[in-house]
Amino acid sequence: MNDYTRFCDLSEENCGGNKGSDKAHIKYNPDKYKSKLEFFNTFPNYTFIFGEFEQQPYTIGGAEYLYEEKKDSNEYRVGIDRMGDRTILGGIFMRNHDVVFDKEKSVVGWA
């Protein structure tokens, strides 16, 4: 997540003001932001391209890829990971979608 780290370090306004701190544990400060949505909006958007033939872009923001580590802790983690040249979205991505796994065709779809 090098782009993520660079984005966070560009300004105190980015990534909830977590500049130069541990990016694995991001703290939400309710005194600084009126809402968690305002906090989430300080994080970068990511656009993923899905599909082998008909490439479809899909953009997600902080509210979709951050998750609270423990309920009411105000500590968040990034739910996207890199493995070589692949991006792993996992459960954080699937929590907001209906996901269908077609094992016969080796295809995943969502709505």
PDB file of N, CA and C in Angstrom:
ATOM      1  N   MET A   1       0.826  -1.184   0.000  1.00  0.00           N
ATOM      2  CA  MET A   1       0.000   0.000   0.000  1.00  0.00           C
ATOM      3  C   MET A   1       0.877   1.258   0.000  1.00  0.00           C
ATOM      4  N   ASN A   2       1.923   1.269  -0.785  1.00  0.00           N
ATOM      5  CA  ASN A   2       2.819   2.419  -0.817  1.00  0.00           C
ATOM      6  C   ASN A   2       2.111   3.699  -1.241  1.00  0.00           C
ATOM      7  N   ASP A   3       1.201   3.623  -2.229  1.00  0.00           N
ATOM      8  CA  ASP A   3       0.453   4.812  -2.650  1.00  0.00           C
ATOM      9  C   ASP A   3      -0.394   5.342  -1.499  1.00  0.00           C
ATOM     10  N   TYR A   4      -0.964   4.440  -0.735  1.00  0.00           N
ATOM     11  CA  TYR A   4      -1.780   4.806   0.419  1.00  0.00           C
ATOM     12  C   TYR A   4      -0.934   5.574   1.441  1.00  0.00           C
ATOM     13  N   THR A   5       0.239   5.034   1.761  1.00  0.00           N
ATOM     14  CA  THR A   5       1.126   5.674   2.727  1.00  0.00           C
ATOM     15  C   THR A   5       1.563   7.050   2.237  1.00  0.00           C
ATOM     16  N   ARG A   6       1.920   7.156   0.964  1.00  0.00           N
ATOM     17  CA  ARG A   6       2.314   8.456   0.407  1.00  0.00           C
ATOM     18  C   ARG A   6       1.174   9.458   0.497  1.00  0.00           C
ATOM     19  N   PHE A   7      -0.040   9.007   0.173  1.00  0.00           N
ATOM     20  CA  PHE A   7      -1.208   9.886   0.244  1.00  0.00           C
ATOM     21  C   PHE A   7      -1.406  10.381   1.676  1.00  0.00           C
ATOM     22  N   CYS A   8      -1.337   9.489   2.638  1.00  0.00           N
ATOM     23  CA  CYS A   8      -1.546   9.861   4.043  1.00  0.00           C
ATOM     24  C   CYS A   8      -0.499  10.851   4.514  1.00  0.00           C
ATOM     25  N   ASP A   9       0.719  10.705   4.046  1.00  0.00           N
ATOM     26  CA  ASP A   9       1.809  11.559   4.506  1.00  0.00           C
ATOM     27  C   ASP A   9       1.871  12.913   3.793  1.00  0.00           C
ATOM     28  N   LEU A  10       1.055  13.113   2.768  1.00  0.00           N
ATOM     29  CA  LEU A  10       1.069  14.382   2.034  1.00  0.00           C
ATOM     30  C   LEU A  10       0.555  15.552   2.865  1.00  0.00           C
ATOM     31  N   SER A  11      -0.424  15.291   3.729  1.00  0.00           N
ATOM     32  CA  SER A  11      -1.069  16.377   4.449  1.00  0.00           C
ATOM     33  C   SER A  11      -1.670  15.880   5.759  1.00  0.00           C
ATOM     34  N   GLU A  12      -1.737  16.766   6.735  1.00  0.00           N
ATOM     35  CA  GLU A  12      -2.395  16.451   8.007  1.00  0.00           C
ATOM     36  C   GLU A  12      -3.890  16.203   7.819  1.00  0.00           C
ATOM     37  N   GLU A  13      -4.434  16.689   6.713  1.00  0.00           N
ATOM     38  CA  GLU A  13      -5.864  16.530   6.440  1.00  0.00           C
ATOM     39  C   GLU A  13      -6.186  15.156   5.853  1.00  0.00           C
ATOM     40  N   ASN A  14      -5.203  14.479   5.296  1.00  0.00           N
ATOM     41  CA  ASN A  14      -5.422  13.160   4.700  1.00  0.00           C
ATOM     42  C   ASN A  14      -5.433  12.076   5.764  1.00  0.00           C
ATOM     43  N   CYS A  15      -6.198  11.043   5.540  1.00  0.00           N
ATOM     44  CA  CYS A  15      -6.214   9.842   6.381  1.00  0.00           C
ATOM     45  C   CYS A  15      -6.483  10.146   7.846  1.00  0.00           C
ATOM     46  N   GLY A  16      -7.388  11.062   8.077  1.00  0.00           N
ATOM     47  CA  GLY A  16      -7.792  11.364   9.444  1.00  0.00           C
ATOM     48  C   GLY A  16      -6.683  11.961  10.285  1.00  0.00           C
ATOM     49  N   GLY A  17      -5.690  12.581   9.641  1.00  0.00           N
ATOM     50  CA  GLY A  17      -4.587  13.188  10.373  1.00  0.00           C
ATOM     51  C   GLY A  17      -3.571  12.187  10.901  1.00  0.00           C
ATOM     52  N   ASN A  18      -3.586  10.965  10.368  1.00  0.00           N
ATOM     53  CA  ASN A  18      -2.667   9.925  10.828  1.00  0.00           C
ATOM     54  C   ASN A  18      -1.339   9.969  10.089  1.00  0.00           C
ATOM     55  N   LYS A  19      -0.881  11.150   9.788  1.00  0.00           N
ATOM     56  CA  LYS A  19       0.388  11.349   9.076  1.00  0.00           C
ATOM     57  C   LYS A  19       1.553  10.867   9.928  1.00  0.00           C
ATOM     58  N   GLY A  20       2.403  10.032   9.302  1.00  0.00           N
ATOM     59  CA  GLY A  20       3.614   9.569   9.965  1.00  0.00           C
ATOM     60  C   GLY A  20       3.384   8.579  11.093  1.00  0.00           C
ATOM     61  N   SER A  21       2.127   8.201  11.342  1.00  0.00           N
ATOM     62  CA  SER A  21       1.867   7.258  12.430  1.00  0.00           C
ATOM     63  C   SER A  21       1.704   5.854  11.862  1.00  0.00           C
ATOM     64  N   ASP A  22       1.418   4.932  12.718  1.00  0.00           N
ATOM     65  CA  ASP A  22       1.231   3.540  12.327  1.00  0.00           C
ATOM     66  C   ASP A  22      -0.013   3.425  11.455  1.00  0.00           C
ATOM     67  N   LYS A  23       0.164   3.151  10.171  1.00  0.00           N
ATOM     68  CA  LYS A  23      -0.964   3.085   9.235  1.00  0.00           C
ATOM     69  C   LYS A  23      -1.819   1.825   9.436  1.00  0.00           C
ATOM     70  N   ALA A  24      -1.299   0.851  10.189  1.00  0.00           N
ATOM     71  CA  ALA A  24      -2.066  -0.365  10.423  1.00  0.00           C
ATOM     72  C   ALA A  24      -3.219  -0.109  11.401  1.00  0.00           C
ATOM     73  N   HIS A  25      -3.039   0.856  12.299  1.00  0.00           N
ATOM     74  CA  HIS A  25      -4.080   1.200  13.266  1.00  0.00           C
ATOM     75  C   HIS A  25      -4.373   2.688  13.120  1.00  0.00           C
ATOM     76  N   ILE A  26      -5.506   2.985  12.552  1.00  0.00           N
ATOM     77  CA  ILE A  26      -5.879   4.363  12.258  1.00  0.00           C
ATOM     78  C   ILE A  26      -6.935   4.794  13.267  1.00  0.00           C
ATOM     79  N   LYS A  27      -6.680   5.865  13.948  1.00  0.00           N
ATOM     80  CA  LYS A  27      -7.604   6.327  14.984  1.00  0.00           C
ATOM     81  C   LYS A  27      -8.564   7.383  14.446  1.00  0.00           C
ATOM     82  N   TYR A  28      -9.836   7.188  14.773  1.00  0.00           N
ATOM     83  CA  TYR A  28     -10.875   8.179  14.488  1.00  0.00           C
ATOM     84  C   TYR A  28     -10.987   9.094  15.695  1.00  0.00           C
ATOM     85  N   ASN A  29     -10.906  10.391  15.461  1.00  0.00           N
ATOM     86  CA  ASN A  29     -11.001  11.374  16.540  1.00  0.00           C
ATOM     87  C   ASN A  29     -12.357  12.079  16.431  1.00  0.00           C
ATOM     88  N   PRO A  30     -13.322  11.720  17.285  1.00  0.00           N
ATOM     89  CA  PRO A  30     -14.660  12.325  17.198  1.00  0.00           C
ATOM     90  C   PRO A  30     -14.673  13.822  17.508  1.00  0.00           C
ATOM     91  N   ASP A  31     -13.623  14.334  18.145  1.00  0.00           N
ATOM     92  CA  ASP A  31     -13.548  15.773  18.408  1.00  0.00           C
ATOM     93  C   ASP A  31     -13.162  16.555  17.158  1.00  0.00           C
ATOM     94  N   LYS A  32     -12.522  15.883  16.224  1.00  0.00           N
ATOM     95  CA  LYS A  32     -12.044  16.543  15.012  1.00  0.00           C
ATOM     96  C   LYS A  32     -13.046  16.449  13.856  1.00  0.00           C
ATOM     97  N   TYR A  33     -13.809  15.371  13.802  1.00  0.00           N
ATOM     98  CA  TYR A  33     -14.747  15.142  12.690  1.00  0.00           C
ATOM     99  C   TYR A  33     -16.181  15.063  13.201  1.00  0.00           C
ATOM    100  N   LYS A  34     -17.088  15.690  12.458  1.00  0.00           N
ATOM    101  CA  LYS A  34     -18.505  15.699  12.843  1.00  0.00           C
ATOM    102  C   LYS A  34     -19.120  14.310  12.749  1.00  0.00           C
ATOM    103  N   SER A  35     -18.598  13.504  11.807  1.00  0.00           N
ATOM    104  CA  SER A  35     -19.147  12.166  11.610  1.00  0.00           C
ATOM    105  C   SER A  35     -18.047  11.232  11.121  1.00  0.00           C
ATOM    106  N   LYS A  36     -18.318   9.944  11.206  1.00  0.00           N
ATOM    107  CA  LYS A  36     -17.354   8.973  10.686  1.00  0.00           C
ATOM    108  C   LYS A  36     -17.266   9.086   9.161  1.00  0.00           C
ATOM    109  N   LEU A  37     -18.348   9.450   8.516  1.00  0.00           N
ATOM    110  CA  LEU A  37     -18.311   9.622   7.062  1.00  0.00           C
ATOM    111  C   LEU A  37     -17.332  10.742   6.685  1.00  0.00           C
ATOM    112  N   GLU A  38     -17.346  11.842   7.436  1.00  0.00           N
ATOM    113  CA  GLU A  38     -16.401  12.931   7.179  1.00  0.00           C
ATOM    114  C   GLU A  38     -14.962  12.415   7.352  1.00  0.00           C
ATOM    115  N   PHE A  39     -14.735  11.598   8.372  1.00  0.00           N
ATOM    116  CA  PHE A  39     -13.434  10.983   8.608  1.00  0.00           C
ATOM    117  C   PHE A  39     -13.050  10.073   7.435  1.00  0.00           C
ATOM    118  N   PHE A  40     -13.967   9.192   7.020  1.00  0.00           N
ATOM    119  CA  PHE A  40     -13.697   8.266   5.913  1.00  0.00           C
ATOM    120  C   PHE A  40     -13.360   9.013   4.625  1.00  0.00           C
ATOM    121  N   ASN A  41     -13.972  10.162   4.429  1.00  0.00           N
ATOM    122  CA  ASN A  41     -13.738  10.938   3.206  1.00  0.00           C
ATOM    123  C   ASN A  41     -12.350  11.560   3.133  1.00  0.00           C
ATOM    124  N   THR A  42     -11.562  11.476   4.212  1.00  0.00           N
ATOM    125  CA  THR A  42     -10.187  11.977   4.172  1.00  0.00           C
ATOM    126  C   THR A  42      -9.217  10.935   3.611  1.00  0.00           C
ATOM    127  N   PHE A  43      -9.726   9.747   3.293  1.00  0.00           N
ATOM    128  CA  PHE A  43      -8.894   8.661   2.769  1.00  0.00           C
ATOM    129  C   PHE A  43      -9.011   8.586   1.250  1.00  0.00           C
ATOM    130  N   PRO A  44      -7.980   8.042   0.588  1.00  0.00           N
ATOM    131  CA  PRO A  44      -8.004   7.992  -0.878  1.00  0.00           C
ATOM    132  C   PRO A  44      -9.037   7.011  -1.407  1.00  0.00           C
ATOM    133  N   ASN A  45      -9.516   7.271  -2.609  1.00  0.00           N
ATOM    134  CA  ASN A  45     -10.354   6.315  -3.332  1.00  0.00           C
ATOM    135  C   ASN A  45      -9.440   5.369  -4.097  1.00  0.00           C
ATOM    136  N   TYR A  46      -9.901   4.146  -4.286  1.00  0.00           N
ATOM    137  CA  TYR A  46      -9.187   3.173  -5.106  1.00  0.00           C
ATOM    138  C   TYR A  46     -10.102   2.714  -6.217  1.00  0.00           C
ATOM    139  N   THR A  47      -9.558   2.625  -7.413  1.00  0.00           N
ATOM    140  CA  THR A  47     -10.308   2.109  -8.549  1.00  0.00           C
ATOM    141  C   THR A  47      -9.679   0.802  -8.984  1.00  0.00           C
ATOM    142  N   PHE A  48     -10.520  -0.215  -9.059  1.00  0.00           N
ATOM    143  CA  PHE A  48     -10.095  -1.546  -9.496  1.00  0.00           C
ATOM    144  C   PHE A  48     -10.724  -1.821 -10.850  1.00  0.00           C
ATOM    145  N   ILE A  49     -10.022  -2.562 -11.675  1.00  0.00           N
ATOM    146  CA  ILE A  49     -10.533  -2.946 -12.990  1.00  0.00           C
ATOM    147  C   ILE A  49     -10.821  -4.441 -12.942  1.00  0.00           C
ATOM    148  N   PHE A  50     -12.078  -4.793 -13.182  1.00  0.00           N
ATOM    149  CA  PHE A  50     -12.488  -6.191 -13.178  1.00  0.00           C
ATOM    150  C   PHE A  50     -12.858  -6.623 -14.591  1.00  0.00           C
ATOM    151  N   GLY A  51     -12.657  -7.877 -14.861  1.00  0.00           N
ATOM    152  CA  GLY A  51     -13.066  -8.443 -16.150  1.00  0.00           C
ATOM    153  C   GLY A  51     -11.897  -8.627 -17.090  1.00  0.00           C
ATOM    154  N   GLU A  52     -11.871  -9.795 -17.702  1.00  0.00           N
ATOM    155  CA  GLU A  52     -10.789 -10.107 -18.633  1.00  0.00           C
ATOM    156  C   GLU A  52     -11.004  -9.452 -19.982  1.00  0.00           C
ATOM    157  N   PHE A  53     -12.231  -9.491 -20.486  1.00  0.00           N
ATOM    158  CA  PHE A  53     -12.518  -8.963 -21.822  1.00  0.00           C
ATOM    159  C   PHE A  53     -13.226  -7.618 -21.770  1.00  0.00           C
ATOM    160  N   GLU A  54     -14.242  -7.530 -20.929  1.00  0.00           N
ATOM    161  CA  GLU A  54     -15.012  -6.300 -20.781  1.00  0.00           C
ATOM    162  C   GLU A  54     -14.586  -5.662 -19.471  1.00  0.00           C
ATOM    163  N   GLN A  55     -13.544  -4.876 -19.499  1.00  0.00           N
ATOM    164  CA  GLN A  55     -12.998  -4.330 -18.261  1.00  0.00           C
ATOM    165  C   GLN A  55     -13.927  -3.283 -17.668  1.00  0.00           C
ATOM    166  N   GLN A  56     -14.279  -3.510 -16.419  1.00  0.00           N
ATOM    167  CA  GLN A  56     -15.203  -2.638 -15.707  1.00  0.00           C
ATOM    168  C   GLN A  56     -14.495  -1.984 -14.522  1.00  0.00           C
ATOM    169  N   PRO A  57     -14.396  -0.658 -14.505  1.00  0.00           N
ATOM    170  CA  PRO A  57     -13.793  -0.003 -13.339  1.00  0.00           C
ATOM    171  C   PRO A  57     -14.776   0.040 -12.170  1.00  0.00           C
ATOM    172  N   TYR A  58     -14.248  -0.090 -10.973  1.00  0.00           N
ATOM    173  CA  TYR A  58     -15.064  -0.025  -9.764  1.00  0.00           C
ATOM    174  C   TYR A  58     -14.262   0.741  -8.718  1.00  0.00           C
ATOM    175  N   THR A  59     -14.812   1.829  -8.208  1.00  0.00           N
ATOM    176  CA  THR A  59     -14.115   2.691  -7.257  1.00  0.00           C
ATOM    177  C   THR A  59     -14.719   2.540  -5.864  1.00  0.00           C
ATOM    178  N   ILE A  60     -13.854   2.420  -4.871  1.00  0.00           N
ATOM    179  CA  ILE A  60     -14.299   2.363  -3.480  1.00  0.00           C
ATOM    180  C   ILE A  60     -13.562   3.437  -2.679  1.00  0.00           C
ATOM    181  N   GLY A  61     -14.222   3.926  -1.638  1.00  0.00           N
ATOM    182  CA  GLY A  61     -13.643   4.943  -0.767  1.00  0.00           C
ATOM    183  C   GLY A  61     -13.368   4.380   0.623  1.00  0.00           C
ATOM    184  N   GLY A  62     -12.864   5.230   1.485  1.00  0.00           N
ATOM    185  CA  GLY A  62     -12.495   4.817   2.834  1.00  0.00           C
ATOM    186  C   GLY A  62     -13.598   4.114   3.607  1.00  0.00           C
ATOM    187  N   ALA A  63     -14.837   4.550   3.443  1.00  0.00           N
ATOM    188  CA  ALA A  63     -15.955   3.923   4.168  1.00  0.00           C
ATOM    189  C   ALA A  63     -16.142   2.468   3.759  1.00  0.00           C
ATOM    190  N   GLU A  64     -15.649   2.117   2.565  1.00  0.00           N
ATOM    191  CA  GLU A  64     -15.821   0.748   2.079  1.00  0.00           C
ATOM    192  C   GLU A  64     -14.626  -0.154   2.366  1.00  0.00           C
ATOM    193  N   TYR A  65     -13.431   0.397   2.560  1.00  0.00           N
ATOM    194  CA  TYR A  65     -12.290  -0.491   2.785  1.00  0.00           C
ATOM    195  C   TYR A  65     -11.686  -0.382   4.188  1.00  0.00           C
ATOM    196  N   LEU A  66     -12.191   0.521   5.014  1.00  0.00           N
ATOM    197  CA  LEU A  66     -11.753   0.571   6.402  1.00  0.00           C
ATOM    198  C   LEU A  66     -12.732  -0.208   7.276  1.00  0.00           C
ATOM    199  N   TYR A  67     -12.217  -0.885   8.261  1.00  0.00           N
ATOM    200  CA  TYR A  67     -13.108  -1.589   9.187  1.00  0.00           C
ATOM    201  C   TYR A  67     -12.634  -1.355  10.611  1.00  0.00           C
ATOM    202  N   GLU A  68     -13.606  -1.307  11.511  1.00  0.00           N
ATOM    203  CA  GLU A  68     -13.295  -1.063  12.919  1.00  0.00           C
ATOM    204  C   GLU A  68     -12.796  -2.366  13.543  1.00  0.00           C
ATOM    205  N   GLU A  69     -11.618  -2.285  14.136  1.00  0.00           N
ATOM    206  CA  GLU A  69     -10.988  -3.486  14.684  1.00  0.00           C
ATOM    207  C   GLU A  69     -11.815  -4.114  15.808  1.00  0.00           C
ATOM    208  N   LYS A  70     -12.244  -3.301  16.745  1.00  0.00           N
ATOM    209  CA  LYS A  70     -13.118  -3.754  17.834  1.00  0.00           C
ATOM    210  C   LYS A  70     -14.262  -2.764  17.922  1.00  0.00           C
ATOM    211  N   LYS A  71     -15.453  -3.264  18.166  1.00  0.00           N
ATOM    212  CA  LYS A  71     -16.626  -2.397  18.231  1.00  0.00           C
ATOM    213  C   LYS A  71     -16.405  -1.257  19.230  1.00  0.00           C
ATOM    214  N   ASP A  72     -16.764  -0.041  18.788  1.00  0.00           N
ATOM    215  CA  ASP A  72     -16.670   1.177  19.601  1.00  0.00           C
ATOM    216  C   ASP A  72     -15.244   1.521  20.043  1.00  0.00           C
ATOM    217  N   SER A  73     -14.238   1.014  19.338  1.00  0.00           N
ATOM    218  CA  SER A  73     -12.842   1.305  19.696  1.00  0.00           C
ATOM    219  C   SER A  73     -12.319   2.564  19.005  1.00  0.00           C
ATOM    220  N   ASN A  74     -12.997   2.982  17.928  1.00  0.00           N
ATOM    221  CA  ASN A  74     -12.536   4.112  17.104  1.00  0.00           C
ATOM    222  C   ASN A  74     -11.161   3.854  16.494  1.00  0.00           C
ATOM    223  N   GLU A  75     -10.770   2.590  16.392  1.00  0.00           N
ATOM    224  CA  GLU A  75      -9.541   2.208  15.712  1.00  0.00           C
ATOM    225  C   GLU A  75      -9.907   1.418  14.473  1.00  0.00           C
ATOM    226  N   TYR A  76      -9.360   1.846  13.349  1.00  0.00           N
ATOM    227  CA  TYR A  76      -9.678   1.231  12.067  1.00  0.00           C
ATOM    228  C   TYR A  76      -8.440   0.629  11.438  1.00  0.00           C
ATOM    229  N   ARG A  77      -8.688  -0.344  10.568  1.00  0.00           N
ATOM    230  CA  ARG A  77      -7.633  -0.978   9.780  1.00  0.00           C
ATOM    231  C   ARG A  77      -8.034  -0.943   8.314  1.00  0.00           C
ATOM    232  N   VAL A  78      -7.036  -1.016   7.454  1.00  0.00           N
ATOM    233  CA  VAL A  78      -7.275  -1.050   6.011  1.00  0.00           C
ATOM    234  C   VAL A  78      -7.517  -2.500   5.604  1.00  0.00           C
ATOM    235  N   GLY A  79      -8.643  -2.745   4.938  1.00  0.00           N
ATOM    236  CA  GLY A  79      -9.013  -4.097   4.535  1.00  0.00           C
ATOM    237  C   GLY A  79      -8.649  -4.447   3.107  1.00  0.00           C
ATOM    238  N   ILE A  80      -7.552  -3.894   2.614  1.00  0.00           N
ATOM    239  CA  ILE A  80      -7.045  -4.212   1.277  1.00  0.00           C
ATOM    240  C   ILE A  80      -5.593  -4.615   1.460  1.00  0.00           C
ATOM    241  N   ASP A  81      -5.168  -5.647   0.745  1.00  0.00           N
ATOM    242  CA  ASP A  81      -3.777  -6.067   0.856  1.00  0.00           C
ATOM    243  C   ASP A  81      -3.221  -6.367  -0.524  1.00  0.00           C
ATOM    244  N   ARG A  82      -1.926  -6.331  -0.641  1.00  0.00           N
ATOM    245  CA  ARG A  82      -1.249  -6.648  -1.895  1.00  0.00           C
ATOM    246  C   ARG A  82      -0.478  -7.947  -1.726  1.00  0.00           C
ATOM    247  N   MET A  83      -0.490  -8.761  -2.780  1.00  0.00           N
ATOM    248  CA  MET A  83       0.293  -9.987  -2.808  1.00  0.00           C
ATOM    249  C   MET A  83       0.932 -10.045  -4.184  1.00  0.00           C
ATOM    250  N   GLY A  84       2.163  -9.564  -4.275  1.00  0.00           N
ATOM    251  CA  GLY A  84       2.821  -9.466  -5.574  1.00  0.00           C
ATOM    252  C   GLY A  84       2.106  -8.440  -6.428  1.00  0.00           C
ATOM    253  N   ASP A  85       1.669  -8.860  -7.610  1.00  0.00           N
ATOM    254  CA  ASP A  85       0.959  -7.942  -8.506  1.00  0.00           C
ATOM    255  C   ASP A  85      -0.552  -8.054  -8.365  1.00  0.00           C
ATOM    256  N   ARG A  86      -1.016  -8.736  -7.338  1.00  0.00           N
ATOM    257  CA  ARG A  86      -2.454  -8.930  -7.117  1.00  0.00           C
ATOM    258  C   ARG A  86      -2.921  -8.154  -5.892  1.00  0.00           C
ATOM    259  N   THR A  87      -4.174  -7.715  -5.952  1.00  0.00           N
ATOM    260  CA  THR A  87      -4.792  -7.021  -4.829  1.00  0.00           C
ATOM    261  C   THR A  87      -5.828  -7.947  -4.204  1.00  0.00           C
ATOM    262  N   ILE A  88      -5.792  -8.068  -2.893  1.00  0.00           N
ATOM    263  CA  ILE A  88      -6.728  -8.923  -2.173  1.00  0.00           C
ATOM    264  C   ILE A  88      -7.766  -8.032  -1.511  1.00  0.00           C
ATOM    265  N   LEU A  89      -9.032  -8.225  -1.891  1.00  0.00           N
ATOM    266  CA  LEU A  89     -10.107  -7.413  -1.333  1.00  0.00           C
ATOM    267  C   LEU A  89     -10.790  -8.119  -0.166  1.00  0.00           C
ATOM    268  N   GLY A  90     -11.077  -9.384  -0.271  1.00  0.00           N
ATOM    269  CA  GLY A  90     -11.620 -10.179   0.822  1.00  0.00           C
ATOM    270  C   GLY A  90     -12.965  -9.709   1.357  1.00  0.00           C
ATOM    271  N   GLY A  91     -13.193 -10.040   2.632  1.00  0.00           N
ATOM    272  CA  GLY A  91     -14.477  -9.794   3.279  1.00  0.00           C
ATOM    273  C   GLY A  91     -14.870  -8.334   3.356  1.00  0.00           C
ATOM    274  N   ILE A  92     -13.894  -7.449   3.472  1.00  0.00           N
ATOM    275  CA  ILE A  92     -14.196  -6.020   3.562  1.00  0.00           C
ATOM    276  C   ILE A  92     -14.934  -5.544   2.317  1.00  0.00           C
ATOM    277  N   PHE A  93     -14.579  -6.099   1.183  1.00  0.00           N
ATOM    278  CA  PHE A  93     -15.226  -5.752  -0.074  1.00  0.00           C
ATOM    279  C   PHE A  93     -16.583  -6.447  -0.183  1.00  0.00           C
ATOM    280  N   MET A  94     -16.632  -7.692   0.227  1.00  0.00           N
ATOM    281  CA  MET A  94     -17.858  -8.487   0.072  1.00  0.00           C
ATOM    282  C   MET A  94     -18.970  -8.091   1.037  1.00  0.00           C
ATOM    283  N   ARG A  95     -18.640  -7.390   2.117  1.00  0.00           N
ATOM    284  CA  ARG A  95     -19.667  -7.069   3.115  1.00  0.00           C
ATOM    285  C   ARG A  95     -20.772  -6.172   2.564  1.00  0.00           C
ATOM    286  N   ASN A  96     -20.498  -5.420   1.503  1.00  0.00           N
ATOM    287  CA  ASN A  96     -21.488  -4.508   0.925  1.00  0.00           C
ATOM    288  C   ASN A  96     -22.080  -5.003  -0.389  1.00  0.00           C
ATOM    289  N   HIS A  97     -21.824  -6.262  -0.734  1.00  0.00           N
ATOM    290  CA  HIS A  97     -22.275  -6.781  -2.022  1.00  0.00           C
ATOM    291  C   HIS A  97     -22.837  -8.190  -1.869  1.00  0.00           C
ATOM    292  N   ASP A  98     -23.716  -8.549  -2.784  1.00  0.00           N
ATOM    293  CA  ASP A  98     -24.127  -9.941  -2.910  1.00  0.00           C
ATOM    294  C   ASP A  98     -23.121 -10.587  -3.847  1.00  0.00           C
ATOM    295  N   VAL A  99     -22.403 -11.595  -3.340  1.00  0.00           N
ATOM    296  CA  VAL A  99     -21.328 -12.215  -4.109  1.00  0.00           C
ATOM    297  C   VAL A  99     -21.722 -13.631  -4.482  1.00  0.00           C
ATOM    298  N   VAL A 100     -21.482 -13.987  -5.751  1.00  0.00           N
ATOM    299  CA  VAL A 100     -21.791 -15.323  -6.256  1.00  0.00           C
ATOM    300  C   VAL A 100     -20.495 -15.956  -6.745  1.00  0.00           C
ATOM    301  N   PHE A 101     -20.194 -17.161  -6.259  1.00  0.00           N
ATOM    302  CA  PHE A 101     -19.011 -17.904  -6.686  1.00  0.00           C
ATOM    303  C   PHE A 101     -19.464 -19.034  -7.598  1.00  0.00           C
ATOM    304  N   ASP A 102     -19.050 -19.004  -8.855  1.00  0.00           N
ATOM    305  CA  ASP A 102     -19.364 -20.056  -9.820  1.00  0.00           C
ATOM    306  C   ASP A 102     -18.111 -20.904  -9.995  1.00  0.00           C
ATOM    307  N   LYS A 103     -18.045 -22.029  -9.261  1.00  0.00           N
ATOM    308  CA  LYS A 103     -16.853 -22.869  -9.281  1.00  0.00           C
ATOM    309  C   LYS A 103     -16.650 -23.552 -10.633  1.00  0.00           C
ATOM    310  N   GLU A 104     -17.740 -23.912 -11.297  1.00  0.00           N
ATOM    311  CA  GLU A 104     -17.623 -24.589 -12.593  1.00  0.00           C
ATOM    312  C   GLU A 104     -16.945 -23.713 -13.635  1.00  0.00           C
ATOM    313  N   LYS A 105     -17.286 -22.431 -13.659  1.00  0.00           N
ATOM    314  CA  LYS A 105     -16.736 -21.503 -14.649  1.00  0.00           C
ATOM    315  C   LYS A 105     -15.553 -20.705 -14.104  1.00  0.00           C
ATOM    316  N   SER A 106     -15.220 -20.915 -12.828  1.00  0.00           N
ATOM    317  CA  SER A 106     -14.156 -20.158 -12.161  1.00  0.00           C
ATOM    318  C   SER A 106     -14.381 -18.663 -12.281  1.00  0.00           C
ATOM    319  N   VAL A 107     -15.617 -18.238 -11.924  1.00  0.00           N
ATOM    320  CA  VAL A 107     -16.008 -16.853 -12.035  1.00  0.00           C
ATOM    321  C   VAL A 107     -16.615 -16.393 -10.717  1.00  0.00           C
ATOM    322  N   VAL A 108     -16.331 -15.142 -10.353  1.00  0.00           N
ATOM    323  CA  VAL A 108     -16.970 -14.506  -9.206  1.00  0.00           C
ATOM    324  C   VAL A 108     -17.755 -13.316  -9.724  1.00  0.00           C
ATOM    325  N   GLY A 109     -18.983 -13.174  -9.254  1.00  0.00           N
ATOM    326  CA  GLY A 109     -19.801 -12.029  -9.658  1.00  0.00           C
ATOM    327  C   GLY A 109     -20.390 -11.377  -8.433  1.00  0.00           C
ATOM    328  N   TRP A 110     -20.803 -10.134  -8.568  1.00  0.00           N
ATOM    329  CA  TRP A 110     -21.423  -9.419  -7.451  1.00  0.00           C
ATOM    330  C   TRP A 110     -22.430  -8.415  -7.956  1.00  0.00           C
ATOM    331  N   ALA A 111     -23.314  -8.041  -7.039  1.00  0.00           N
ATOM    332  CA  ALA A 111     -24.333  -7.040  -7.358  1.00  0.00           C
ATOM    333  C   ALA A 111     -24.386  -6.018  -6.263  1.00  0.00           C
TER     334      ALA A 111
END
